[in-house]
Amino acid sequence: MRILVIGATGTIGAAVADELATRHDVIRASRRGPVRVDMTDPASLDALLAEVGEVDAVVVAAASGGLSPLDTPADADYWSGVEGKLLGQVNLVRRALAHVRDGGSITLTSGRFAEPVPGSSLGYLVNAGLEAFVHSAAIELPRGLRLNAVSPGWVRETLVALGMDPADGTPAVDVARTYVDVVEGDAQGRTFAVEAR
């Protein structure tokens, strides 16, 4: 298969691209690198898809947003996760429909916290919205296309980079296997939560 991986320079995206590349032709896209895309810019998404052409699958592993306290003074700062993570992925799906071959798939990334923490309310809103979109939009996809999401939870390498205890994190390579299973499988309209190992 010919597979476009967006966010391929990040911790999860790189692991997903590497795992898929053992059996498939992978195009690696990111904010930086030879194939560039900005998930917050619909024109950038259009340019990427025009450059890449037809594919059998698209995987979005690009992270965006973070903790956003309710009292963040600027609306633009608070809503950044909606623009990038939620609207960016929805816009990507709408545009990718014309570029994914019959029977192909689009896999998005949602997320979760083990429990609510201060600043996580917007993250919960974005991820719940994204998962609801996947569930409901999947029935509208033409030509046997599939739409799913992966909810990776905490990644061990990310916890280490943040100076946190990595014990509750899942290694990126294990997270990547979930994405690969979704791309190579036949699921439709589902969210796959990665459990810590």
C-alpha atoms as a PDB file:
ATOM      1  CA  MET A   1       0.000   0.000   0.000  1.00  0.00           C
ATOM      2  CA  ARG A   2       0.963   3.629  -0.494  1.00  0.00           C
ATOM      3  CA  ILE A   3       0.409   5.411   2.825  1.00  0.00           C
ATOM      4  CA  LEU A   4       0.642   9.076   3.796  1.00  0.00           C
ATOM      5  CA  VAL A   5       1.677   9.601   7.437  1.00  0.00           C
ATOM      6  CA  ILE A   6       1.144  13.152   8.716  1.00  0.00           C
ATOM      7  CA  GLY A   7       3.173  14.060  11.789  1.00  0.00           C
ATOM      8  CA  ALA A   8       5.922  11.654  10.759  1.00  0.00           C
ATOM      9  CA  THR A   9       8.673  13.507  12.641  1.00  0.00           C
ATOM     10  CA  GLY A  10       6.939  13.274  16.031  1.00  0.00           C
ATOM     11  CA  THR A  11       7.347  10.513  18.588  1.00  0.00           C
ATOM     12  CA  ILE A  12       4.230   8.590  17.550  1.00  0.00           C
ATOM     13  CA  GLY A  13       4.301   9.531  13.876  1.00  0.00           C
ATOM     14  CA  ALA A  14       7.912   8.435  13.390  1.00  0.00           C
ATOM     15  CA  ALA A  15       7.197   5.087  15.053  1.00  0.00           C
ATOM     16  CA  VAL A  16       4.059   4.597  12.912  1.00  0.00           C
ATOM     17  CA  ALA A  17       5.896   5.496   9.697  1.00  0.00           C
ATOM     18  CA  ASP A  18       8.804   3.188  10.550  1.00  0.00           C
ATOM     19  CA  GLU A  19       6.495   0.269  11.345  1.00  0.00           C
ATOM     20  CA  LEU A  20       4.402   0.747   8.194  1.00  0.00           C
ATOM     21  CA  ALA A  21       7.533   1.165   6.041  1.00  0.00           C
ATOM     22  CA  THR A  22       8.537  -2.446   6.736  1.00  0.00           C
ATOM     23  CA  ARG A  23       5.685  -3.565   4.432  1.00  0.00           C
ATOM     24  CA  HIS A  24       4.401  -0.478   2.609  1.00  0.00           C
ATOM     25  CA  ASP A  25       5.460   2.595   0.639  1.00  0.00           C
ATOM     26  CA  VAL A  26       5.273   5.446   3.192  1.00  0.00           C
ATOM     27  CA  ILE A  27       5.208   9.175   2.459  1.00  0.00           C
ATOM     28  CA  ARG A  28       6.276  11.111   5.560  1.00  0.00           C
ATOM     29  CA  ALA A  29       4.752  14.573   6.004  1.00  0.00           C
ATOM     30  CA  SER A  30       5.208  17.075   8.824  1.00  0.00           C
ATOM     31  CA  ARG A  31       5.593  20.772   9.595  1.00  0.00           C
ATOM     32  CA  ARG A  32       9.324  20.402   8.890  1.00  0.00           C
ATOM     33  CA  GLY A  33      10.985  18.155   6.354  1.00  0.00           C
ATOM     34  CA  PRO A  34      10.851  17.525   2.633  1.00  0.00           C
ATOM     35  CA  VAL A  35       7.052  16.966   2.521  1.00  0.00           C
ATOM     36  CA  ARG A  36       5.461  19.774   4.541  1.00  0.00           C
ATOM     37  CA  VAL A  37       1.975  20.387   5.893  1.00  0.00           C
ATOM     38  CA  ASP A  38       0.322  22.652   8.425  1.00  0.00           C
ATOM     39  CA  MET A  39      -2.794  20.983   9.830  1.00  0.00           C
ATOM     40  CA  THR A  40      -4.247  24.379  10.804  1.00  0.00           C
ATOM     41  CA  ASP A  41      -4.168  25.636   7.194  1.00  0.00           C
ATOM     42  CA  PRO A  42      -6.688  24.150   4.720  1.00  0.00           C
ATOM     43  CA  ALA A  43      -4.630  25.460   1.780  1.00  0.00           C
ATOM     44  CA  SER A  44      -1.609  23.555   3.117  1.00  0.00           C
ATOM     45  CA  LEU A  45      -3.703  20.370   3.287  1.00  0.00           C
ATOM     46  CA  ASP A  46      -4.822  20.901  -0.318  1.00  0.00           C
ATOM     47  CA  ALA A  47      -1.228  21.451  -1.444  1.00  0.00           C
ATOM     48  CA  LEU A  48      -0.040  18.313   0.369  1.00  0.00           C
ATOM     49  CA  LEU A  49      -2.710  16.102  -1.165  1.00  0.00           C
ATOM     50  CA  ALA A  50      -2.080  17.527  -4.633  1.00  0.00           C
ATOM     51  CA  GLU A  51       1.655  16.877  -4.230  1.00  0.00           C
ATOM     52  CA  VAL A  52       1.238  13.335  -2.920  1.00  0.00           C
ATOM     53  CA  GLY A  53      -1.498  12.178  -5.304  1.00  0.00           C
ATOM     54  CA  GLU A  54      -3.456   8.958  -4.792  1.00  0.00           C
ATOM     55  CA  VAL A  55      -2.821   6.856  -1.702  1.00  0.00           C
ATOM     56  CA  ASP A  56      -4.294   3.760  -0.125  1.00  0.00           C
ATOM     57  CA  ALA A  57      -4.314   5.188   3.385  1.00  0.00           C
ATOM     58  CA  VAL A  58      -3.773   8.372   5.366  1.00  0.00           C
ATOM     59  CA  VAL A  59      -2.657   8.366   8.997  1.00  0.00           C
ATOM     60  CA  VAL A  60      -2.683  11.544  11.078  1.00  0.00           C
ATOM     61  CA  ALA A  61      -0.341  11.306  14.064  1.00  0.00           C
ATOM     62  CA  ALA A  62       0.280  15.038  14.383  1.00  0.00           C
ATOM     63  CA  ALA A  63      -0.108  16.392  17.894  1.00  0.00           C
ATOM     64  CA  SER A  64      -1.560  19.800  18.554  1.00  0.00           C
ATOM     65  CA  GLY A  65      -2.680  21.769  21.557  1.00  0.00           C
ATOM     66  CA  GLY A  66      -2.026  20.878  25.165  1.00  0.00           C
ATOM     67  CA  LEU A  67      -3.356  21.842  28.545  1.00  0.00           C
ATOM     68  CA  SER A  68      -5.475  24.997  28.320  1.00  0.00           C
ATOM     69  CA  PRO A  69      -6.705  26.430  31.624  1.00  0.00           C
ATOM     70  CA  LEU A  70     -10.246  27.811  31.508  1.00  0.00           C
ATOM     71  CA  ASP A  71      -9.013  31.232  32.548  1.00  0.00           C
ATOM     72  CA  THR A  72      -6.434  31.526  29.743  1.00  0.00           C
ATOM     73  CA  PRO A  73      -6.626  35.221  28.919  1.00  0.00           C
ATOM     74  CA  ALA A  74      -6.599  35.050  25.113  1.00  0.00           C
ATOM     75  CA  ASP A  75      -9.269  33.181  23.163  1.00  0.00           C
ATOM     76  CA  ALA A  76      -6.741  32.332  20.452  1.00  0.00           C
ATOM     77  CA  ASP A  77      -4.522  30.565  22.985  1.00  0.00           C
ATOM     78  CA  TYR A  78      -7.419  28.658  24.519  1.00  0.00           C
ATOM     79  CA  TRP A  79      -8.948  27.499  21.231  1.00  0.00           C
ATOM     80  CA  SER A  80      -5.705  26.467  19.500  1.00  0.00           C
ATOM     81  CA  GLY A  81      -6.407  22.772  20.123  1.00  0.00           C
ATOM     82  CA  VAL A  82      -9.762  23.047  18.394  1.00  0.00           C
ATOM     83  CA  GLU A  83      -8.224  24.618  15.305  1.00  0.00           C
ATOM     84  CA  GLY A  84      -5.313  22.225  14.939  1.00  0.00           C
ATOM     85  CA  LYS A  85      -6.334  18.900  16.366  1.00  0.00           C
ATOM     86  CA  LEU A  86     -10.088  18.855  15.774  1.00  0.00           C
ATOM     87  CA  LEU A  87     -10.769  21.093  12.776  1.00  0.00           C
ATOM     88  CA  GLY A  88      -7.444  20.218  11.143  1.00  0.00           C
ATOM     89  CA  GLN A  89      -8.232  16.503  11.153  1.00  0.00           C
ATOM     90  CA  VAL A  90     -11.835  17.046  10.059  1.00  0.00           C
ATOM     91  CA  ASN A  91     -10.631  19.237   7.180  1.00  0.00           C
ATOM     92  CA  LEU A  92      -8.088  16.581   6.259  1.00  0.00           C
ATOM     93  CA  VAL A  93     -10.774  13.887   6.072  1.00  0.00           C
ATOM     94  CA  ARG A  94     -13.005  16.022   3.879  1.00  0.00           C
ATOM     95  CA  ARG A  95     -10.144  16.755   1.486  1.00  0.00           C
ATOM     96  CA  ALA A  96      -8.571  13.277   1.501  1.00  0.00           C
ATOM     97  CA  LEU A  97     -11.741  11.550   0.273  1.00  0.00           C
ATOM     98  CA  ALA A  98     -10.842  12.393  -3.321  1.00  0.00           C
ATOM     99  CA  HIS A  99      -7.253  11.139  -2.901  1.00  0.00           C
ATOM    100  CA  VAL A 100      -7.718   7.791  -1.117  1.00  0.00           C
ATOM    101  CA  ARG A 101      -8.229   4.810  -3.405  1.00  0.00           C
ATOM    102  CA  ASP A 102     -11.339   2.619  -3.208  1.00  0.00           C
ATOM    103  CA  GLY A 103     -11.366   0.519  -0.033  1.00  0.00           C
ATOM    104  CA  GLY A 104      -8.653   2.644   1.576  1.00  0.00           C
ATOM    105  CA  SER A 105      -8.578   4.130   5.044  1.00  0.00           C
ATOM    106  CA  ILE A 106      -8.079   7.307   7.028  1.00  0.00           C
ATOM    107  CA  THR A 107      -6.873   6.996  10.625  1.00  0.00           C
ATOM    108  CA  LEU A 108      -6.978   9.991  12.972  1.00  0.00           C
ATOM    109  CA  THR A 109      -5.545  10.597  16.434  1.00  0.00           C
ATOM    110  CA  SER A 110      -7.672  11.480  19.439  1.00  0.00           C
ATOM    111  CA  GLY A 111      -6.360  11.097  22.994  1.00  0.00           C
ATOM    112  CA  ARG A 112      -7.204  10.836  26.643  1.00  0.00           C
ATOM    113  CA  PHE A 113      -6.028  11.566  30.130  1.00  0.00           C
ATOM    114  CA  ALA A 114      -6.170   8.896  32.814  1.00  0.00           C
ATOM    115  CA  GLU A 115      -8.347  11.326  34.770  1.00  0.00           C
ATOM    116  CA  PRO A 116      -9.237  15.025  34.490  1.00  0.00           C
ATOM    117  CA  VAL A 117      -6.437  17.379  35.481  1.00  0.00           C
ATOM    118  CA  PRO A 118      -6.475  21.182  35.582  1.00  0.00           C
ATOM    119  CA  GLY A 119      -6.373  22.489  32.037  1.00  0.00           C
ATOM    120  CA  SER A 120      -7.657  19.283  30.448  1.00  0.00           C
ATOM    121  CA  SER A 121     -11.257  20.312  29.766  1.00  0.00           C
ATOM    122  CA  LEU A 122     -10.536  21.559  26.245  1.00  0.00           C
ATOM    123  CA  GLY A 123      -8.578  18.385  25.500  1.00  0.00           C
ATOM    124  CA  TYR A 124     -11.567  16.312  26.574  1.00  0.00           C
ATOM    125  CA  LEU A 125     -13.847  18.440  24.378  1.00  0.00           C
ATOM    126  CA  VAL A 126     -11.587  18.134  21.331  1.00  0.00           C
ATOM    127  CA  ASN A 127     -11.019  14.385  21.685  1.00  0.00           C
ATOM    128  CA  ALA A 128     -14.673  13.591  22.365  1.00  0.00           C
ATOM    129  CA  GLY A 129     -15.669  15.717  19.382  1.00  0.00           C
ATOM    130  CA  LEU A 130     -13.131  13.995  17.157  1.00  0.00           C
ATOM    131  CA  GLU A 131     -14.278  10.536  18.221  1.00  0.00           C
ATOM    132  CA  ALA A 132     -17.941  11.471  17.676  1.00  0.00           C
ATOM    133  CA  PHE A 133     -17.013  12.783  14.223  1.00  0.00           C
ATOM    134  CA  VAL A 134     -15.266   9.501  13.333  1.00  0.00           C
ATOM    135  CA  HIS A 135     -18.227   7.432  14.513  1.00  0.00           C
ATOM    136  CA  SER A 136     -20.821   9.453  12.603  1.00  0.00           C
ATOM    137  CA  ALA A 137     -18.826  10.456   9.496  1.00  0.00           C
ATOM    138  CA  ALA A 138     -17.732   6.868   8.819  1.00  0.00           C
ATOM    139  CA  ILE A 139     -21.172   5.991   7.458  1.00  0.00           C
ATOM    140  CA  GLU A 140     -20.892   8.801   4.874  1.00  0.00           C
ATOM    141  CA  LEU A 141     -17.620   7.689   3.310  1.00  0.00           C
ATOM    142  CA  PRO A 142     -17.924   6.573  -0.316  1.00  0.00           C
ATOM    143  CA  ARG A 143     -16.289   3.691  -2.211  1.00  0.00           C
ATOM    144  CA  GLY A 144     -15.717   1.439   0.797  1.00  0.00           C
ATOM    145  CA  LEU A 145     -13.397   3.922   2.499  1.00  0.00           C
ATOM    146  CA  ARG A 146     -12.855   3.430   6.236  1.00  0.00           C
ATOM    147  CA  LEU A 147     -12.463   6.071   8.968  1.00  0.00           C
ATOM    148  CA  ASN A 148     -11.138   5.302  12.459  1.00  0.00           C
ATOM    149  CA  ALA A 149      -9.247   6.938  15.315  1.00  0.00           C
ATOM    150  CA  VAL A 150      -6.518   5.851  17.691  1.00  0.00           C
ATOM    151  CA  SER A 151      -6.437   7.196  21.243  1.00  0.00           C
ATOM    152  CA  PRO A 152      -2.818   6.633  22.301  1.00  0.00           C
ATOM    153  CA  GLY A 153      -2.848   7.788  25.918  1.00  0.00           C
ATOM    154  CA  TRP A 154       0.522   8.569  27.486  1.00  0.00           C
ATOM    155  CA  VAL A 155       3.549   7.525  25.458  1.00  0.00           C
ATOM    156  CA  ARG A 156       6.570   6.392  27.471  1.00  0.00           C
ATOM    157  CA  GLU A 157       9.061   8.499  25.491  1.00  0.00           C
ATOM    158  CA  THR A 158       6.927  11.607  25.976  1.00  0.00           C
ATOM    159  CA  LEU A 159       6.780  11.067  29.732  1.00  0.00           C
ATOM    160  CA  VAL A 160      10.569  10.706  29.837  1.00  0.00           C
ATOM    161  CA  ALA A 161      11.000  13.901  27.792  1.00  0.00           C
ATOM    162  CA  LEU A 162       8.713  15.729  30.252  1.00  0.00           C
ATOM    163  CA  GLY A 163      10.684  14.420  33.231  1.00  0.00           C
ATOM    164  CA  MET A 164       7.711  12.368  34.431  1.00  0.00           C
ATOM    165  CA  ASP A 165       7.523   8.760  35.614  1.00  0.00           C
ATOM    166  CA  PRO A 166       7.381   6.646  32.425  1.00  0.00           C
ATOM    167  CA  ALA A 167       5.847   3.625  34.188  1.00  0.00           C
ATOM    168  CA  ASP A 168       2.300   4.459  33.052  1.00  0.00           C
ATOM    169  CA  GLY A 169       3.306   5.133  29.454  1.00  0.00           C
ATOM    170  CA  THR A 170       3.195   2.833  26.452  1.00  0.00           C
ATOM    171  CA  PRO A 171       6.334   2.618  24.291  1.00  0.00           C
ATOM    172  CA  ALA A 172       5.903   4.416  20.965  1.00  0.00           C
ATOM    173  CA  VAL A 173       6.593   1.209  19.042  1.00  0.00           C
ATOM    174  CA  ASP A 174       3.632  -0.478  20.789  1.00  0.00           C
ATOM    175  CA  VAL A 175       1.407   2.523  20.059  1.00  0.00           C
ATOM    176  CA  ALA A 176       2.498   2.324  16.423  1.00  0.00           C
ATOM    177  CA  ARG A 177       1.343  -1.282  16.186  1.00  0.00           C
ATOM    178  CA  THR A 178      -2.198  -0.191  17.018  1.00  0.00           C
ATOM    179  CA  TYR A 179      -2.146   2.264  14.111  1.00  0.00           C
ATOM    180  CA  VAL A 180      -0.782  -0.422  11.785  1.00  0.00           C
ATOM    181  CA  ASP A 181      -3.507  -2.870  12.866  1.00  0.00           C
ATOM    182  CA  VAL A 182      -6.153  -0.228  12.122  1.00  0.00           C
ATOM    183  CA  VAL A 183      -4.700   0.613   8.694  1.00  0.00           C
ATOM    184  CA  GLU A 184      -4.294  -3.027   7.681  1.00  0.00           C
ATOM    185  CA  GLY A 185      -7.573  -4.196   9.260  1.00  0.00           C
ATOM    186  CA  ASP A 186     -11.211  -3.745   8.322  1.00  0.00           C
ATOM    187  CA  ALA A 187     -12.614  -1.701  11.230  1.00  0.00           C
ATOM    188  CA  GLN A 188     -14.910   1.200  10.441  1.00  0.00           C
ATOM    189  CA  GLY A 189     -16.065   4.123  12.572  1.00  0.00           C
ATOM    190  CA  ARG A 190     -14.225   3.039  15.725  1.00  0.00           C
ATOM    191  CA  THR A 191     -11.791   4.498  18.234  1.00  0.00           C
ATOM    192  CA  PHE A 192      -8.997   2.234  19.436  1.00  0.00           C
ATOM    193  CA  ALA A 193      -7.624   3.054  22.886  1.00  0.00           C
ATOM    194  CA  VAL A 194      -4.026   2.005  23.449  1.00  0.00           C
ATOM    195  CA  GLU A 195      -3.639   0.437  26.875  1.00  0.00           C
ATOM    196  CA  ALA A 196      -0.455   0.976  28.880  1.00  0.00           C
ATOM    197  CA  ARG A 197       1.890  -2.025  28.838  1.00  0.00           C
END
